[in-house]
């Protein structure tokens, strides 16, 4: 898997995690647990772990941000 695909996969998992946390915060509804058999099911735990690893991985994306992407940056 190339780095761009890994970046998009990680970002997708982070977005899924953010949506799930939003649902928990606003509605006390855990979508991952509902879809995959409860918070303690092995598949839910794998998804939670992948989301967590993706969150850590996406910290590396800060180093990839190019200064030319900043609005108003004139070269």
PDB file of N, CA and C in Angstrom:
ATOM      1  N   UNK A   1       0.865  -1.173   0.000  1.00  0.00           N
ATOM      2  CA  UNK A   1       0.000   0.000   0.000  1.00  0.00           C
ATOM      3  C   UNK A   1       0.908   1.232   0.000  1.00  0.00           C
ATOM      4  N   UNK A   2       0.655   2.138  -0.934  1.00  0.00           N
ATOM      5  CA  UNK A   2       1.490   3.339  -0.976  1.00  0.00           C
ATOM      6  C   UNK A   2       1.068   4.304   0.131  1.00  0.00           C
ATOM      7  N   UNK A   3       1.903   5.305   0.375  1.00  0.00           N
ATOM      8  CA  UNK A   3       1.672   6.221   1.492  1.00  0.00           C
ATOM      9  C   UNK A   3       0.389   7.031   1.328  1.00  0.00           C
ATOM     10  N   UNK A   4       0.063   7.401   0.094  1.00  0.00           N
ATOM     11  CA  UNK A   4      -1.153   8.190  -0.130  1.00  0.00           C
ATOM     12  C   UNK A   4      -2.390   7.363   0.242  1.00  0.00           C
ATOM     13  N   UNK A   5      -2.409   6.110  -0.145  1.00  0.00           N
ATOM     14  CA  UNK A   5      -3.533   5.238   0.197  1.00  0.00           C
ATOM     15  C   UNK A   5      -3.610   5.034   1.710  1.00  0.00           C
ATOM     16  N   UNK A   6      -2.449   4.884   2.348  1.00  0.00           N
ATOM     17  CA  UNK A   6      -2.424   4.733   3.803  1.00  0.00           C
ATOM     18  C   UNK A   6      -2.936   6.006   4.481  1.00  0.00           C
ATOM     19  N   UNK A   7      -2.552   7.157   3.963  1.00  0.00           N
ATOM     20  CA  UNK A   7      -3.035   8.431   4.508  1.00  0.00           C
ATOM     21  C   UNK A   7      -4.556   8.521   4.419  1.00  0.00           C
ATOM     22  N   UNK A   8      -5.113   8.202   3.259  1.00  0.00           N
ATOM     23  CA  UNK A   8      -6.565   8.273   3.082  1.00  0.00           C
ATOM     24  C   UNK A   8      -7.295   7.243   3.951  1.00  0.00           C
ATOM     25  N   UNK A   9      -6.732   6.063   4.066  1.00  0.00           N
ATOM     26  CA  UNK A   9      -7.337   5.034   4.923  1.00  0.00           C
ATOM     27  C   UNK A   9      -7.350   5.492   6.367  1.00  0.00           C
ATOM     28  N   UNK A  10      -6.214   6.014   6.824  1.00  0.00           N
ATOM     29  CA  UNK A  10      -6.125   6.489   8.208  1.00  0.00           C
ATOM     30  C   UNK A  10      -7.090   7.646   8.443  1.00  0.00           C
ATOM     31  N   UNK A  11      -7.145   8.592   7.510  1.00  0.00           N
ATOM     32  CA  UNK A  11      -8.064   9.719   7.670  1.00  0.00           C
ATOM     33  C   UNK A  11      -9.519   9.261   7.692  1.00  0.00           C
ATOM     34  N   UNK A  12      -9.850   8.291   6.868  1.00  0.00           N
ATOM     35  CA  UNK A  12     -11.214   7.754   6.853  1.00  0.00           C
ATOM     36  C   UNK A  12     -11.564   7.132   8.196  1.00  0.00           C
ATOM     37  N   UNK A  13     -10.643   6.355   8.755  1.00  0.00           N
ATOM     38  CA  UNK A  13     -10.893   5.738  10.061  1.00  0.00           C
ATOM     39  C   UNK A  13     -11.000   6.789  11.163  1.00  0.00           C
ATOM     40  N   UNK A  14     -10.202   7.844  11.076  1.00  0.00           N
ATOM     41  CA  UNK A  14     -10.287   8.920  12.068  1.00  0.00           C
ATOM     42  C   UNK A  14     -11.639   9.629  11.966  1.00  0.00           C
ATOM     43  N   UNK A  15     -12.125   9.849  10.752  1.00  0.00           N
ATOM     44  CA  UNK A  15     -13.445  10.474  10.574  1.00  0.00           C
ATOM     45  C   UNK A  15     -14.540   9.570  11.148  1.00  0.00           C
ATOM     46  N   UNK A  16     -14.444   8.275  10.893  1.00  0.00           N
ATOM     47  CA  UNK A  16     -15.415   7.330  11.465  1.00  0.00           C
ATOM     48  C   UNK A  16     -15.392   7.418  12.989  1.00  0.00           C
ATOM     49  N   UNK A  17     -14.185   7.457  13.548  1.00  0.00           N
ATOM     50  CA  UNK A  17     -14.063   7.586  15.000  1.00  0.00           C
ATOM     51  C   UNK A  17     -14.641   8.886  15.519  1.00  0.00           C
ATOM     52  N   UNK A  18     -14.396   9.978  14.800  1.00  0.00           N
ATOM     53  CA  UNK A  18     -14.925  11.276  15.221  1.00  0.00           C
ATOM     54  C   UNK A  18     -16.447  11.288  15.174  1.00  0.00           C
ATOM     55  N   UNK A  19     -17.017  10.716  14.136  1.00  0.00           N
ATOM     56  CA  UNK A  19     -18.480  10.636  14.043  1.00  0.00           C
ATOM     57  C   UNK A  19     -19.029   9.797  15.183  1.00  0.00           C
ATOM     58  N   UNK A  20     -18.374   8.670  15.450  1.00  0.00           N
ATOM     59  CA  UNK A  20     -18.826   7.796  16.532  1.00  0.00           C
ATOM     60  C   UNK A  20     -18.760   8.520  17.876  1.00  0.00           C
ATOM     61  N   UNK A  21     -17.663   9.246  18.134  1.00  0.00           N
ATOM     62  CA  UNK A  21     -17.546  10.000  19.381  1.00  0.00           C
ATOM     63  C   UNK A  21     -18.592  11.106  19.449  1.00  0.00           C
ATOM     64  N   UNK A  22     -18.889  11.735  18.334  1.00  0.00           N
ATOM     65  CA  UNK A  22     -19.945  12.745  18.313  1.00  0.00           C
ATOM     66  C   UNK A  22     -21.300  12.152  18.675  1.00  0.00           C
ATOM     67  N   UNK A  23     -21.591  10.988  18.111  1.00  0.00           N
ATOM     68  CA  UNK A  23     -22.852  10.307  18.435  1.00  0.00           C
ATOM     69  C   UNK A  23     -22.911   9.925  19.911  1.00  0.00           C
ATOM     70  N   UNK A  24     -21.788   9.482  20.452  1.00  0.00           N
ATOM     71  CA  UNK A  24     -21.747   9.134  21.875  1.00  0.00           C
ATOM     72  C   UNK A  24     -21.967  10.387  22.722  1.00  0.00           C
ATOM     73  N   UNK A  25     -21.287  11.471  22.362  1.00  0.00           N
ATOM     74  CA  UNK A  25     -21.391  12.700  23.138  1.00  0.00           C
ATOM     75  C   UNK A  25     -22.763  13.343  23.094  1.00  0.00           C
ATOM     76  N   UNK A  26     -23.361  13.372  21.922  1.00  0.00           N
ATOM     77  CA  UNK A  26     -24.644  14.049  21.776  1.00  0.00           C
ATOM     78  C   UNK A  26     -25.843  13.164  22.115  1.00  0.00           C
ATOM     79  N   UNK A  27     -25.760  11.877  21.778  1.00  0.00           N
ATOM     80  CA  UNK A  27     -26.937  11.018  21.880  1.00  0.00           C
ATOM     81  C   UNK A  27     -26.734   9.762  22.713  1.00  0.00           C
ATOM     82  N   UNK A  28     -25.541   9.587  23.302  1.00  0.00           N
ATOM     83  CA  UNK A  28     -25.207   8.371  24.048  1.00  0.00           C
ATOM     84  C   UNK A  28     -25.468   7.129  23.203  1.00  0.00           C
ATOM     85  N   UNK A  29     -25.066   7.214  21.938  1.00  0.00           N
ATOM     86  CA  UNK A  29     -25.282   6.129  20.986  1.00  0.00           C
ATOM     87  C   UNK A  29     -23.949   5.750  20.351  1.00  0.00           C
ATOM     88  N   UNK A  30     -23.500   4.526  20.593  1.00  0.00           N
ATOM     89  CA  UNK A  30     -22.243   4.032  20.041  1.00  0.00           C
ATOM     90  C   UNK A  30     -22.561   3.229  18.779  1.00  0.00           C
ATOM     91  N   UNK A  31     -22.357   3.859  17.628  1.00  0.00           N
ATOM     92  CA  UNK A  31     -22.690   3.236  16.344  1.00  0.00           C
ATOM     93  C   UNK A  31     -21.856   1.985  16.081  1.00  0.00           C
ATOM     94  N   UNK A  32     -20.568   2.040  16.383  1.00  0.00           N
ATOM     95  CA  UNK A  32     -19.697   0.876  16.157  1.00  0.00           C
ATOM     96  C   UNK A  32     -20.188  -0.306  16.978  1.00  0.00           C
ATOM     97  N   UNK A  33     -20.477  -0.076  18.250  1.00  0.00           N
ATOM     98  CA  UNK A  33     -20.962  -1.162  19.109  1.00  0.00           C
ATOM     99  C   UNK A  33     -22.301  -1.694  18.618  1.00  0.00           C
ATOM    100  N   UNK A  34     -23.172  -0.804  18.156  1.00  0.00           N
ATOM    101  CA  UNK A  34     -24.478  -1.223  17.660  1.00  0.00           C
ATOM    102  C   UNK A  34     -24.347  -2.087  16.410  1.00  0.00           C
ATOM    103  N   UNK A  35     -23.462  -1.682  15.497  1.00  0.00           N
ATOM    104  CA  UNK A  35     -23.321  -2.409  14.236  1.00  0.00           C
ATOM    105  C   UNK A  35     -22.577  -3.738  14.381  1.00  0.00           C
ATOM    106  N   UNK A  36     -21.675  -3.814  15.357  1.00  0.00           N
ATOM    107  CA  UNK A  36     -20.789  -4.972  15.411  1.00  0.00           C
ATOM    108  C   UNK A  36     -20.900  -5.775  16.690  1.00  0.00           C
ATOM    109  N   UNK A  37     -22.033  -5.714  17.371  1.00  0.00           N
ATOM    110  CA  UNK A  37     -22.301  -6.652  18.456  1.00  0.00           C
ATOM    111  C   UNK A  37     -21.847  -6.240  19.839  1.00  0.00           C
ATOM    112  N   UNK A  38     -21.838  -4.980  20.128  1.00  0.00           N
ATOM    113  CA  UNK A  38     -21.494  -4.527  21.471  1.00  0.00           C
ATOM    114  C   UNK A  38     -20.062  -4.060  21.579  1.00  0.00           C
ATOM    115  N   UNK A  39     -19.814  -3.315  22.639  1.00  0.00           N
ATOM    116  CA  UNK A  39     -18.502  -2.715  22.836  1.00  0.00           C
ATOM    117  C   UNK A  39     -17.413  -3.764  23.088  1.00  0.00           C
ATOM    118  N   UNK A  40     -17.770  -4.895  23.620  1.00  0.00           N
ATOM    119  CA  UNK A  40     -16.777  -5.912  23.965  1.00  0.00           C
ATOM    120  C   UNK A  40     -16.607  -6.993  22.907  1.00  0.00           C
ATOM    121  N   UNK A  41     -17.326  -6.909  21.788  1.00  0.00           N
ATOM    122  CA  UNK A  41     -17.138  -7.912  20.741  1.00  0.00           C
ATOM    123  C   UNK A  41     -15.769  -7.722  20.110  1.00  0.00           C
ATOM    124  N   UNK A  42     -15.209  -8.796  19.616  1.00  0.00           N
ATOM    125  CA  UNK A  42     -13.839  -8.730  19.082  1.00  0.00           C
ATOM    126  C   UNK A  42     -13.757  -7.821  17.867  1.00  0.00           C
ATOM    127  N   UNK A  43     -14.794  -7.800  17.024  1.00  0.00           N
ATOM    128  CA  UNK A  43     -14.735  -6.947  15.830  1.00  0.00           C
ATOM    129  C   UNK A  43     -14.832  -5.467  16.209  1.00  0.00           C
ATOM    130  N   UNK A  44     -15.663  -5.136  17.207  1.00  0.00           N
ATOM    131  CA  UNK A  44     -15.732  -3.748  17.672  1.00  0.00           C
ATOM    132  C   UNK A  44     -14.392  -3.321  18.244  1.00  0.00           C
ATOM    133  N   UNK A  45     -13.768  -4.187  19.012  1.00  0.00           N
ATOM    134  CA  UNK A  45     -12.475  -3.854  19.620  1.00  0.00           C
ATOM    135  C   UNK A  45     -11.409  -3.661  18.548  1.00  0.00           C
ATOM    136  N   UNK A  46     -11.469  -4.436  17.471  1.00  0.00           N
ATOM    137  CA  UNK A  46     -10.520  -4.260  16.370  1.00  0.00           C
ATOM    138  C   UNK A  46     -10.743  -2.897  15.717  1.00  0.00           C
ATOM    139  N   UNK A  47     -11.999  -2.543  15.492  1.00  0.00           N
ATOM    140  CA  UNK A  47     -12.307  -1.242  14.882  1.00  0.00           C
ATOM    141  C   UNK A  47     -11.839  -0.109  15.788  1.00  0.00           C
ATOM    142  N   UNK A  48     -12.121  -0.210  17.082  1.00  0.00           N
ATOM    143  CA  UNK A  48     -11.660   0.821  18.014  1.00  0.00           C
ATOM    144  C   UNK A  48     -10.132   0.927  17.974  1.00  0.00           C
ATOM    145  N   UNK A  49      -9.444  -0.210  17.942  1.00  0.00           N
ATOM    146  CA  UNK A  49      -7.978  -0.209  17.902  1.00  0.00           C
ATOM    147  C   UNK A  49      -7.462   0.417  16.615  1.00  0.00           C
ATOM    148  N   UNK A  50      -8.083   0.077  15.475  1.00  0.00           N
ATOM    149  CA  UNK A  50      -7.658   0.656  14.197  1.00  0.00           C
ATOM    150  C   UNK A  50      -7.884   2.161  14.158  1.00  0.00           C
ATOM    151  N   UNK A  51      -8.993   2.612  14.729  1.00  0.00           N
ATOM    152  CA  UNK A  51      -9.259   4.048  14.788  1.00  0.00           C
ATOM    153  C   UNK A  51      -8.200   4.730  15.657  1.00  0.00           C
ATOM    154  N   UNK A  52      -7.855   4.117  16.780  1.00  0.00           N
ATOM    155  CA  UNK A  52      -6.833   4.681  17.648  1.00  0.00           C
ATOM    156  C   UNK A  52      -5.466   4.741  16.992  1.00  0.00           C
ATOM    157  N   UNK A  53      -5.078   3.665  16.326  1.00  0.00           N
ATOM    158  CA  UNK A  53      -3.797   3.636  15.612  1.00  0.00           C
ATOM    159  C   UNK A  53      -3.800   4.668  14.490  1.00  0.00           C
ATOM    160  N   UNK A  54      -4.941   4.794  13.806  1.00  0.00           N
ATOM    161  CA  UNK A  54      -5.048   5.785  12.730  1.00  0.00           C
ATOM    162  C   UNK A  54      -4.909   7.196  13.267  1.00  0.00           C
ATOM    163  N   UNK A  55      -5.480   7.451  14.427  1.00  0.00           N
ATOM    164  CA  UNK A  55      -5.344   8.766  15.039  1.00  0.00           C
ATOM    165  C   UNK A  55      -3.896   9.101  15.337  1.00  0.00           C
ATOM    166  N   UNK A  56      -3.172   8.130  15.847  1.00  0.00           N
ATOM    167  CA  UNK A  56      -1.745   8.337  16.114  1.00  0.00           C
ATOM    168  C   UNK A  56      -0.991   8.540  14.807  1.00  0.00           C
ATOM    169  N   UNK A  57      -1.304   7.724  13.806  1.00  0.00           N
ATOM    170  CA  UNK A  57      -0.630   7.846  12.513  1.00  0.00           C
ATOM    171  C   UNK A  57      -0.885   9.211  11.872  1.00  0.00           C
ATOM    172  N   UNK A  58      -2.111   9.722  11.983  1.00  0.00           N
ATOM    173  CA  UNK A  58      -2.422  10.991  11.324  1.00  0.00           C
ATOM    174  C   UNK A  58      -1.667  12.165  11.944  1.00  0.00           C
ATOM    175  N   UNK A  59      -1.102  11.982  13.122  1.00  0.00           N
ATOM    176  CA  UNK A  59      -0.232  13.025  13.669  1.00  0.00           C
ATOM    177  C   UNK A  59       0.947  13.284  12.741  1.00  0.00           C
ATOM    178  N   UNK A  60       1.377  12.275  12.000  1.00  0.00           N
ATOM    179  CA  UNK A  60       2.492  12.450  11.068  1.00  0.00           C
ATOM    180  C   UNK A  60       2.106  13.329   9.889  1.00  0.00           C
ATOM    181  N   UNK A  61       0.811  13.483   9.635  1.00  0.00           N
ATOM    182  CA  UNK A  61       0.369  14.311   8.517  1.00  0.00           C
ATOM    183  C   UNK A  61       0.677  15.782   8.750  1.00  0.00           C
ATOM    184  N   UNK A  62       0.814  16.180  10.004  1.00  0.00           N
ATOM    185  CA  UNK A  62       1.200  17.568  10.279  1.00  0.00           C
ATOM    186  C   UNK A  62       2.545  17.890   9.651  1.00  0.00           C
ATOM    187  N   UNK A  63       3.437  16.932   9.626  1.00  0.00           N
ATOM    188  CA  UNK A  63       4.740  17.138   9.017  1.00  0.00           C
ATOM    189  C   UNK A  63       4.691  17.179   7.508  1.00  0.00           C
ATOM    190  N   UNK A  64       3.603  16.706   6.926  1.00  0.00           N
ATOM    191  CA  UNK A  64       3.464  16.673   5.472  1.00  0.00           C
ATOM    192  C   UNK A  64       2.764  17.908   4.911  1.00  0.00           C
ATOM    193  N   UNK A  65       2.240  18.749   5.789  1.00  0.00           N
ATOM    194  CA  UNK A  65       1.534  19.938   5.328  1.00  0.00           C
ATOM    195  C   UNK A  65       2.550  20.890   4.711  1.00  0.00           C
ATOM    196  N   UNK A  66       2.288  21.269   3.489  1.00  0.00           N
ATOM    197  CA  UNK A  66       3.184  22.154   2.756  1.00  0.00           C
ATOM    198  C   UNK A  66       2.782  23.597   3.022  1.00  0.00           C
ATOM    199  N   UNK A  67       3.759  24.456   3.184  1.00  0.00           N
ATOM    200  CA  UNK A  67       3.465  25.868   3.450  1.00  0.00           C
ATOM    201  C   UNK A  67       2.657  26.507   2.323  1.00  0.00           C
ATOM    202  N   UNK A  68       2.727  25.983   1.126  1.00  0.00           N
ATOM    203  CA  UNK A  68       1.972  26.564   0.014  1.00  0.00           C
ATOM    204  C   UNK A  68       0.480  26.312   0.165  1.00  0.00           C
ATOM    205  N   UNK A  69       0.104  25.413   1.045  1.00  0.00           N
ATOM    206  CA  UNK A  69      -1.303  25.123   1.261  1.00  0.00           C
ATOM    207  C   UNK A  69      -1.945  26.168   2.175  1.00  0.00           C
ATOM    208  N   UNK A  70      -1.146  26.947   2.871  1.00  0.00           N
ATOM    209  CA  UNK A  70      -1.663  27.959   3.776  1.00  0.00           C
ATOM    210  C   UNK A  70      -2.267  29.095   2.964  1.00  0.00           C
ATOM    211  N   UNK A  71      -3.501  29.462   3.287  1.00  0.00           N
ATOM    212  CA  UNK A  71      -4.196  30.520   2.549  1.00  0.00           C
ATOM    213  C   UNK A  71      -3.457  31.838   2.757  1.00  0.00           C
ATOM    214  N   UNK A  72      -3.252  32.564   1.694  1.00  0.00           N
ATOM    215  CA  UNK A  72      -2.611  33.867   1.767  1.00  0.00           C
ATOM    216  C   UNK A  72      -1.104  33.821   1.743  1.00  0.00           C
ATOM    217  N   UNK A  73      -0.518  32.648   1.613  1.00  0.00           N
ATOM    218  CA  UNK A  73       0.931  32.540   1.559  1.00  0.00           C
ATOM    219  C   UNK A  73       1.390  32.896   0.156  1.00  0.00           C
ATOM    220  N   UNK A  74       2.081  34.017   0.023  1.00  0.00           N
ATOM    221  CA  UNK A  74       2.546  34.487  -1.279  1.00  0.00           C
ATOM    222  C   UNK A  74       4.006  34.096  -1.465  1.00  0.00           C
ATOM    223  N   UNK A  75       4.348  33.469  -2.588  1.00  0.00           N
ATOM    224  CA  UNK A  75       5.744  33.123  -2.900  1.00  0.00           C
ATOM    225  C   UNK A  75       6.264  34.030  -3.970  1.00  0.00           C
TER     226      UNK A  75
END
